[in-house]
Each structure stands twice: as C-alpha cells, then as structure tokens.
PDB file of N, CA and C in Angstrom:
ATOM      1  N   MET A   1      23.270  24.925  42.033  1.00  0.00           N
ATOM      2  CA  MET A   1      24.273  24.306  41.410  1.00  0.00           C
ATOM      3  C   MET A   1      23.804  23.210  40.825  1.00  0.00           C
ATOM      4  N   ALA A   2      23.703  23.206  39.862  1.00  0.00           N
ATOM      5  CA  ALA A   2      23.662  21.530  38.723  1.00  0.00           C
ATOM      6  C   ALA A   2      24.168  20.757  39.352  1.00  0.00           C
ATOM      7  N   ALA A   3      23.602  19.443  39.538  1.00  0.00           N
ATOM      8  CA  ALA A   3      24.093  18.131  39.836  1.00  0.00           C
ATOM      9  C   ALA A   3      25.952  17.972  38.819  1.00  0.00           C
ATOM     10  N   LEU A   4      26.481  17.309  39.273  1.00  0.00           N
ATOM     11  CA  LEU A   4      27.368  16.761  38.491  1.00  0.00           C
ATOM     12  C   LEU A   4      26.956  15.349  37.742  1.00  0.00           C
ATOM     13  N   PRO A   5      27.444  14.643  36.451  1.00  0.00           N
ATOM     14  CA  PRO A   5      26.758  13.615  35.539  1.00  0.00           C
ATOM     15  C   PRO A   5      27.162  12.349  36.069  1.00  0.00           C
ATOM     16  N   THR A   6      27.936  12.363  37.312  1.00  0.00           N
ATOM     17  CA  THR A   6      28.409  11.424  38.480  1.00  0.00           C
ATOM     18  C   THR A   6      27.276  10.867  39.018  1.00  0.00           C
ATOM     19  N   ASP A   7      27.220  12.107  39.745  1.00  0.00           N
ATOM     20  CA  ASP A   7      25.720  12.088  40.602  1.00  0.00           C
ATOM     21  C   ASP A   7      24.462  12.049  40.148  1.00  0.00           C
ATOM     22  N   VAL A   8      24.498  12.379  38.683  1.00  0.00           N
ATOM     23  CA  VAL A   8      23.298  11.888  38.675  1.00  0.00           C
ATOM     24  C   VAL A   8      23.537   9.895  38.167  1.00  0.00           C
ATOM     25  N   ALA A   9      24.182   9.781  37.578  1.00  0.00           N
ATOM     26  CA  ALA A   9      24.128   8.469  37.602  1.00  0.00           C
ATOM     27  C   ALA A   9      24.505   7.845  38.122  1.00  0.00           C
ATOM     28  N   ILE A  10      24.882   8.032  39.634  1.00  0.00           N
ATOM     29  CA  ILE A  10      24.328   7.585  41.032  1.00  0.00           C
ATOM     30  C   ILE A  10      22.911   6.986  41.291  1.00  0.00           C
ATOM     31  N   MET A  11      22.455   8.612  41.264  1.00  0.00           N
ATOM     32  CA  MET A  11      21.462   8.711  41.870  1.00  0.00           C
ATOM     33  C   MET A  11      20.366   7.432  41.063  1.00  0.00           C
ATOM     34  N   ARG A  12      20.694   7.737  39.319  1.00  0.00           N
ATOM     35  CA  ARG A  12      20.051   6.916  38.480  1.00  0.00           C
ATOM     36  C   ARG A  12      19.926   5.372  39.221  1.00  0.00           C
ATOM     37  N   LEU A  13      21.739   5.289  39.030  1.00  0.00           N
ATOM     38  CA  LEU A  13      21.645   3.899  39.507  1.00  0.00           C
ATOM     39  C   LEU A  13      21.249   3.148  40.625  1.00  0.00           C
ATOM     40  N   ARG A  14      21.073   4.111  41.535  1.00  0.00           N
ATOM     41  CA  ARG A  14      20.036   3.302  43.152  1.00  0.00           C
ATOM     42  C   ARG A  14      18.830   3.142  43.040  1.00  0.00           C
ATOM     43  N   ALA A  15      18.024   3.963  42.042  1.00  0.00           N
ATOM     44  CA  ALA A  15      17.096   4.027  41.987  1.00  0.00           C
ATOM     45  C   ALA A  15      16.907   2.573  41.405  1.00  0.00           C
ATOM     46  N   LEU A  16      17.074   2.598  40.067  1.00  0.00           N
ATOM     47  CA  LEU A  16      17.325   1.402  39.292  1.00  0.00           C
ATOM     48  C   LEU A  16      17.277   0.149  40.013  1.00  0.00           C
ATOM     49  N   ARG A  17      18.149   0.431  40.920  1.00  0.00           N
ATOM     50  CA  ARG A  17      19.065  -0.942  41.761  1.00  0.00           C
ATOM     51  C   ARG A  17      17.545  -0.904  42.252  1.00  0.00           C
ATOM     52  N   GLY A  18      16.972  -0.008  43.354  1.00  0.00           N
ATOM     53  CA  GLY A  18      16.354  -0.374  43.825  1.00  0.00           C
ATOM     54  C   GLY A  18      14.905  -1.485  43.260  1.00  0.00           C
ATOM     55  N   ASN A  19      14.767  -1.000  41.684  1.00  0.00           N
ATOM     56  CA  ASN A  19      13.518  -1.316  41.097  1.00  0.00           C
ATOM     57  C   ASN A  19      14.012  -2.843  41.376  1.00  0.00           C
ATOM     58  N   ILE A  20      15.202  -3.724  40.967  1.00  0.00           N
ATOM     59  CA  ILE A  20      15.596  -4.650  40.785  1.00  0.00           C
ATOM     60  C   ILE A  20      15.289  -5.299  42.109  1.00  0.00           C
ATOM     61  N   VAL A  21      15.651  -5.121  42.719  1.00  0.00           N
ATOM     62  CA  VAL A  21      15.858  -5.368  44.086  1.00  0.00           C
ATOM     63  C   VAL A  21      14.494  -6.228  44.530  1.00  0.00           C
ATOM     64  N   GLN A  22      13.642  -4.947  44.310  1.00  0.00           N
ATOM     65  CA  GLN A  22      11.708  -5.157  44.976  1.00  0.00           C
ATOM     66  C   GLN A  22      11.387  -6.454  43.577  1.00  0.00           C
ATOM     67  N   TRP A  23      11.740  -6.661  42.269  1.00  0.00           N
ATOM     68  CA  TRP A  23      11.631  -7.650  41.411  1.00  0.00           C
ATOM     69  C   TRP A  23      12.118  -8.497  41.893  1.00  0.00           C
ATOM     70  N   VAL A  24      13.166  -8.914  41.968  1.00  0.00           N
ATOM     71  CA  VAL A  24      13.458 -10.451  42.336  1.00  0.00           C
ATOM     72  C   VAL A  24      12.878 -10.593  43.678  1.00  0.00           C
ATOM     73  N   SER A  25      13.245  -9.731  44.805  1.00  0.00           N
ATOM     74  CA  SER A  25      12.895 -10.398  46.367  1.00  0.00           C
ATOM     75  C   SER A  25      10.968 -10.653  45.572  1.00  0.00           C
ATOM     76  N   GLY A  26      10.381 -10.207  45.066  1.00  0.00           N
ATOM     77  CA  GLY A  26       9.044 -11.133  44.735  1.00  0.00           C
ATOM     78  C   GLY A  26       8.782 -12.111  44.572  1.00  0.00           C
ATOM     79  N   LEU A  27      10.263 -12.812  44.411  1.00  0.00           N
ATOM     80  CA  LEU A  27       9.729 -14.325  43.151  1.00  0.00           C
ATOM     81  C   LEU A  27      10.388 -15.206  44.067  1.00  0.00           C
ATOM     82  N   SER A  28       9.086 -15.737  43.030  1.00  0.00           N
ATOM     83  CA  SER A  28       9.309 -17.566  44.175  1.00  0.00           C
ATOM     84  C   SER A  28      10.478 -18.797  43.485  1.00  0.00           C
ATOM     85  N   ALA A  29      10.956 -20.114  44.363  1.00  0.00           N
ATOM     86  CA  ALA A  29      11.757 -19.999  44.264  1.00  0.00           C
ATOM     87  C   ALA A  29      11.162 -21.076  43.109  1.00  0.00           C
ATOM     88  N   ALA A  30      10.195 -21.023  42.711  1.00  0.00           N
ATOM     89  CA  ALA A  30      10.222 -21.430  41.209  1.00  0.00           C
ATOM     90  C   ALA A  30      10.284 -20.703  40.096  1.00  0.00           C
ATOM     91  N   GLN A  31       9.996 -19.611  39.963  1.00  0.00           N
ATOM     92  CA  GLN A  31       9.970 -18.484  39.386  1.00  0.00           C
ATOM     93  C   GLN A  31      11.194 -17.969  39.331  1.00  0.00           C
ATOM     94  N   ALA A  32      12.704 -18.201  40.285  1.00  0.00           N
ATOM     95  CA  ALA A  32      13.939 -18.231  40.068  1.00  0.00           C
ATOM     96  C   ALA A  32      14.614 -19.098  39.114  1.00  0.00           C
ATOM     97  N   MET A  33      13.795 -20.449  38.987  1.00  0.00           N
ATOM     98  CA  MET A  33      14.954 -21.851  38.936  1.00  0.00           C
ATOM     99  C   MET A  33      13.643 -21.589  37.362  1.00  0.00           C
ATOM    100  N   ARG A  34      13.616 -21.112  36.441  1.00  0.00           N
ATOM    101  CA  ARG A  34      12.701 -20.933  35.105  1.00  0.00           C
ATOM    102  C   ARG A  34      13.642 -20.517  34.932  1.00  0.00           C
ATOM    103  N   VAL A  35      13.721 -21.108  33.073  1.00  0.00           N
ATOM    104  CA  VAL A  35      14.964 -21.087  32.409  1.00  0.00           C
ATOM    105  C   VAL A  35      14.642 -20.492  31.302  1.00  0.00           C
ATOM    106  N   GLY A  36      15.690 -19.424  30.409  1.00  0.00           N
ATOM    107  CA  GLY A  36      15.477 -18.927  29.107  1.00  0.00           C
ATOM    108  C   GLY A  36      17.208 -19.164  28.595  1.00  0.00           C
ATOM    109  N   VAL A  37      17.119 -18.609  27.719  1.00  0.00           N
ATOM    110  CA  VAL A  37      18.016 -18.802  26.800  1.00  0.00           C
ATOM    111  C   VAL A  37      18.545 -17.374  26.313  1.00  0.00           C
ATOM    112  N   HIS A  38      19.236 -17.240  26.785  1.00  0.00           N
ATOM    113  CA  HIS A  38      20.877 -15.978  26.889  1.00  0.00           C
ATOM    114  C   HIS A  38      21.296 -16.509  25.437  1.00  0.00           C
ATOM    115  N   PRO A  39      21.485 -15.338  24.394  1.00  0.00           N
ATOM    116  CA  PRO A  39      21.687 -15.635  22.383  1.00  0.00           C
ATOM    117  C   PRO A  39      23.625 -15.943  23.034  1.00  0.00           C
ATOM    118  N   LEU A  40      23.966 -16.335  24.376  1.00  0.00           N
ATOM    119  CA  LEU A  40      25.259 -15.871  23.573  1.00  0.00           C
ATOM    120  C   LEU A  40      25.847 -17.193  24.433  1.00  0.00           C
ATOM    121  N   PHE A  41      24.886 -17.475  26.023  1.00  0.00           N
ATOM    122  CA  PHE A  41      25.252 -18.108  27.224  1.00  0.00           C
ATOM    123  C   PHE A  41      24.372 -19.278  27.364  1.00  0.00           C
ATOM    124  N   GLY A  42      23.802 -19.188  26.486  1.00  0.00           N
ATOM    125  CA  GLY A  42      22.551 -20.467  25.919  1.00  0.00           C
ATOM    126  C   GLY A  42      21.778 -20.510  27.213  1.00  0.00           C
ATOM    127  N   ALA A  43      21.085 -21.584  27.566  1.00  0.00           N
ATOM    128  CA  ALA A  43      19.762 -21.666  28.946  1.00  0.00           C
ATOM    129  C   ALA A  43      20.385 -21.637  30.173  1.00  0.00           C
ATOM    130  N   GLN A  44      19.509 -20.516  30.694  1.00  0.00           N
ATOM    131  CA  GLN A  44      20.369 -20.359  31.964  1.00  0.00           C
ATOM    132  C   GLN A  44      18.534 -20.080  32.948  1.00  0.00           C
ATOM    133  N   SER A  45      19.083 -20.303  34.049  1.00  0.00           N
ATOM    134  CA  SER A  45      17.903 -20.038  35.155  1.00  0.00           C
ATOM    135  C   SER A  45      17.765 -17.943  34.971  1.00  0.00           C
ATOM    136  N   VAL A  46      17.358 -17.587  35.547  1.00  0.00           N
ATOM    137  CA  VAL A  46      16.576 -15.842  36.448  1.00  0.00           C
ATOM    138  C   VAL A  46      17.466 -16.414  37.197  1.00  0.00           C
ATOM    139  N   ALA A  47      17.784 -17.590  38.496  1.00  0.00           N
ATOM    140  CA  ALA A  47      18.685 -16.660  39.090  1.00  0.00           C
ATOM    141  C   ALA A  47      19.966 -16.546  38.397  1.00  0.00           C
ATOM    142  N   GLU A  48      21.165 -17.848  37.819  1.00  0.00           N
ATOM    143  CA  GLU A  48      21.522 -17.399  37.135  1.00  0.00           C
ATOM    144  C   GLU A  48      21.843 -15.943  36.170  1.00  0.00           C
ATOM    145  N   MET A  49      20.809 -16.179  35.763  1.00  0.00           N
ATOM    146  CA  MET A  49      21.045 -14.395  34.899  1.00  0.00           C
ATOM    147  C   MET A  49      21.247 -13.071  35.745  1.00  0.00           C
ATOM    148  N   ILE A  50      20.532 -13.266  37.112  1.00  0.00           N
ATOM    149  CA  ILE A  50      20.696 -12.294  37.881  1.00  0.00           C
ATOM    150  C   ILE A  50      21.626 -12.101  38.659  1.00  0.00           C
ATOM    151  N   GLU A  51      22.655 -13.126  39.081  1.00  0.00           N
ATOM    152  CA  GLU A  51      24.035 -13.217  39.542  1.00  0.00           C
ATOM    153  C   GLU A  51      25.052 -12.313  38.132  1.00  0.00           C
ATOM    154  N   PHE A  52      24.722 -13.390  36.894  1.00  0.00           N
ATOM    155  CA  PHE A  52      25.888 -12.508  35.188  1.00  0.00           C
ATOM    156  C   PHE A  52      25.571 -11.256  35.449  1.00  0.00           C
ATOM    157  N   PHE A  53      24.101 -10.622  35.631  1.00  0.00           N
ATOM    158  CA  PHE A  53      23.999  -9.309  35.752  1.00  0.00           C
ATOM    159  C   PHE A  53      24.413  -8.615  37.062  1.00  0.00           C
ATOM    160  N   LEU A  54      24.681  -8.928  37.731  1.00  0.00           N
ATOM    161  CA  LEU A  54      25.741  -8.351  39.038  1.00  0.00           C
ATOM    162  C   LEU A  54      26.787  -8.547  38.879  1.00  0.00           C
ATOM    163  N   VAL A  55      27.593  -9.377  38.414  1.00  0.00           N
ATOM    164  CA  VAL A  55      28.730  -9.450  38.329  1.00  0.00           C
ATOM    165  C   VAL A  55      29.355  -8.674  37.225  1.00  0.00           C
ATOM    166  N   HIS A  56      28.679  -8.579  36.304  1.00  0.00           N
ATOM    167  CA  HIS A  56      28.562  -7.995  35.188  1.00  0.00           C
ATOM    168  C   HIS A  56      28.775  -6.008  35.615  1.00  0.00           C
ATOM    169  N   GLU A  57      27.356  -6.134  36.127  1.00  0.00           N
ATOM    170  CA  GLU A  57      27.364  -4.047  36.796  1.00  0.00           C
ATOM    171  C   GLU A  57      28.581  -3.746  37.490  1.00  0.00           C
ATOM    172  N   GLY A  58      28.867  -5.090  38.405  1.00  0.00           N
ATOM    173  CA  GLY A  58      29.860  -4.981  38.866  1.00  0.00           C
ATOM    174  C   GLY A  58      31.535  -4.443  37.994  1.00  0.00           C
ATOM    175  N   HIS A  59      31.885  -5.238  37.332  1.00  0.00           N
ATOM    176  CA  HIS A  59      32.605  -4.525  35.986  1.00  0.00           C
ATOM    177  C   HIS A  59      32.718  -3.072  35.683  1.00  0.00           C
ATOM    178  N   HIS A  60      31.387  -2.711  35.485  1.00  0.00           N
ATOM    179  CA  HIS A  60      31.186  -1.333  34.981  1.00  0.00           C
ATOM    180  C   HIS A  60      31.673  -0.396  35.233  1.00  0.00           C
ATOM    181  N   LEU A  61      30.919  -0.793  36.612  1.00  0.00           N
ATOM    182  CA  LEU A  61      31.324   0.470  38.442  1.00  0.00           C
ATOM    183  C   LEU A  61      33.189  -0.160  38.436  1.00  0.00           C
ATOM    184  N   TYR A  62      33.572  -0.787  38.435  1.00  0.00           N
ATOM    185  CA  TYR A  62      34.782  -1.057  38.280  1.00  0.00           C
ATOM    186  C   TYR A  62      35.622  -0.101  37.621  1.00  0.00           C
ATOM    187  N   MET A  63      35.092  -0.069  36.320  1.00  0.00           N
ATOM    188  CA  MET A  63      36.050   0.444  35.166  1.00  0.00           C
ATOM    189  C   MET A  63      35.308   1.498  34.987  1.00  0.00           C
ATOM    190  N   ILE A  64      34.309   2.290  35.693  1.00  0.00           N
ATOM    191  CA  ILE A  64      34.095   4.226  35.701  1.00  0.00           C
ATOM    192  C   ILE A  64      35.073   4.547  36.922  1.00  0.00           C
ATOM    193  N   MET A  65      35.254   3.787  38.014  1.00  0.00           N
ATOM    194  CA  MET A  65      35.846   4.324  39.160  1.00  0.00           C
ATOM    195  C   MET A  65      37.638   4.289  38.603  1.00  0.00           C
ATOM    196  N   THR A  66      37.655   3.631  37.844  1.00  0.00           N
ATOM    197  CA  THR A  66      39.391   3.151  37.348  1.00  0.00           C
ATOM    198  C   THR A  66      39.261   4.432  36.346  1.00  0.00           C
ATOM    199  N   ARG A  67      38.712   4.626  35.499  1.00  0.00           N
ATOM    200  CA  ARG A  67      38.956   5.657  34.334  1.00  0.00           C
ATOM    201  C   ARG A  67      38.869   7.416  35.375  1.00  0.00           C
ATOM    202  N   LEU A  68      37.508   7.519  35.845  1.00  0.00           N
ATOM    203  CA  LEU A  68      37.752   8.550  37.028  1.00  0.00           C
ATOM    204  C   LEU A  68      39.482   8.204  38.027  1.00  0.00           C
ATOM    205  N   GLY A  69      39.471   7.835  38.242  1.00  0.00           N
ATOM    206  CA  GLY A  69      41.118   7.997  38.972  1.00  0.00           C
ATOM    207  C   GLY A  69      41.895   8.479  38.486  1.00  0.00           C
ATOM    208  N   ASP A  70      41.920   7.635  36.722  1.00  0.00           N
ATOM    209  CA  ASP A  70      42.922   7.825  36.462  1.00  0.00           C
ATOM    210  C   ASP A  70      42.963   9.040  35.837  1.00  0.00           C
ATOM    211  N   LYS A  71      41.506   9.848  35.659  1.00  0.00           N
ATOM    212  CA  LYS A  71      41.043  11.177  34.844  1.00  0.00           C
ATOM    213  C   LYS A  71      41.557  12.496  35.890  1.00  0.00           C
ATOM    214  N   ARG A  72      41.305  11.943  37.279  1.00  0.00           N
ATOM    215  CA  ARG A  72      42.358  12.855  38.467  1.00  0.00           C
ATOM    216  C   ARG A  72      43.617  13.034  38.033  1.00  0.00           C
ATOM    217  N   SER A  73      43.625  11.646  37.840  1.00  0.00           N
ATOM    218  CA  SER A  73      45.305  11.500  38.519  1.00  0.00           C
ATOM    219  C   SER A  73      46.470  12.395  37.468  1.00  0.00           C
ATOM    220  N   GLY A  74      45.289  12.075  36.338  1.00  0.00           N
ATOM    221  CA  GLY A  74      46.434  12.485  35.141  1.00  0.00           C
ATOM    222  C   GLY A  74      46.722  11.382  34.427  1.00  0.00           C
ATOM    223  N   ALA A  75      46.691  10.210  34.800  1.00  0.00           N
ATOM    224  CA  ALA A  75      47.352   9.322  34.116  1.00  0.00           C
ATOM    225  C   ALA A  75      46.612   8.898  32.536  1.00  0.00           C
ATOM    226  N   PRO A  76      47.418   8.543  31.993  1.00  0.00           N
ATOM    227  CA  PRO A  76      46.761   7.937  30.473  1.00  0.00           C
ATOM    228  C   PRO A  76      45.282   7.041  30.919  1.00  0.00           C
ATOM    229  N   ALA A  77      44.469   7.307  30.404  1.00  0.00           N
ATOM    230  CA  ALA A  77      43.290   6.316  30.073  1.00  0.00           C
ATOM    231  C   ALA A  77      43.826   4.387  29.859  1.00  0.00           C
ATOM    232  N   ALA A  78      42.971   3.888  30.578  1.00  0.00           N
ATOM    233  CA  ALA A  78      43.489   2.286  30.406  1.00  0.00           C
ATOM    234  C   ALA A  78      42.258   2.387  29.119  1.00  0.00           C
ATOM    235  N   PRO A  79      42.971   1.778  28.388  1.00  0.00           N
ATOM    236  CA  PRO A  79      41.983   0.682  27.238  1.00  0.00           C
ATOM    237  C   PRO A  79      40.854   0.032  27.564  1.00  0.00           C
TER     238      PRO A  79
END
C-alpha cells in the first residue's frame, strides 16, 4: 500500500528537522551570534534567524492541520 501524502510529508519533515538540529547543535556561541542580513527583516543573528524559522514552521504546520481538519469535517476551507 502506498504511503499517504501526509505521511510522506511528516517523514520528510522529521528527517530535515533532524539535519537542522544536528547543524545547530554544532554551533559555538560565537557562531550563533554571527549576524547576517535578511532581505525583509534586516540584520539578525543566526540564533534570531533560527527562532524566526521555528515560529514560521509552526505557523505552516498549524495551517496544514487546520485545513486537513476542515477538509475532513466538510467545513469550507480557510483563506
């Protein structure tokens, strides 16, 4: 039986998240505080960029779960 698209997405998410955790765990304090320039948000440290990434990822996961719930319940899709 073929895996459901959501199962595949979750497996990929876990694998990629593991890669990110491994990379971040290897950063020194000085490396985490290095500053880069985001095109919209300006100067941010690596730590700040990671924090924003996690919040942004959480938002996407929330939207996915909300839309899956709407689809299963027959409710109209959220905009």
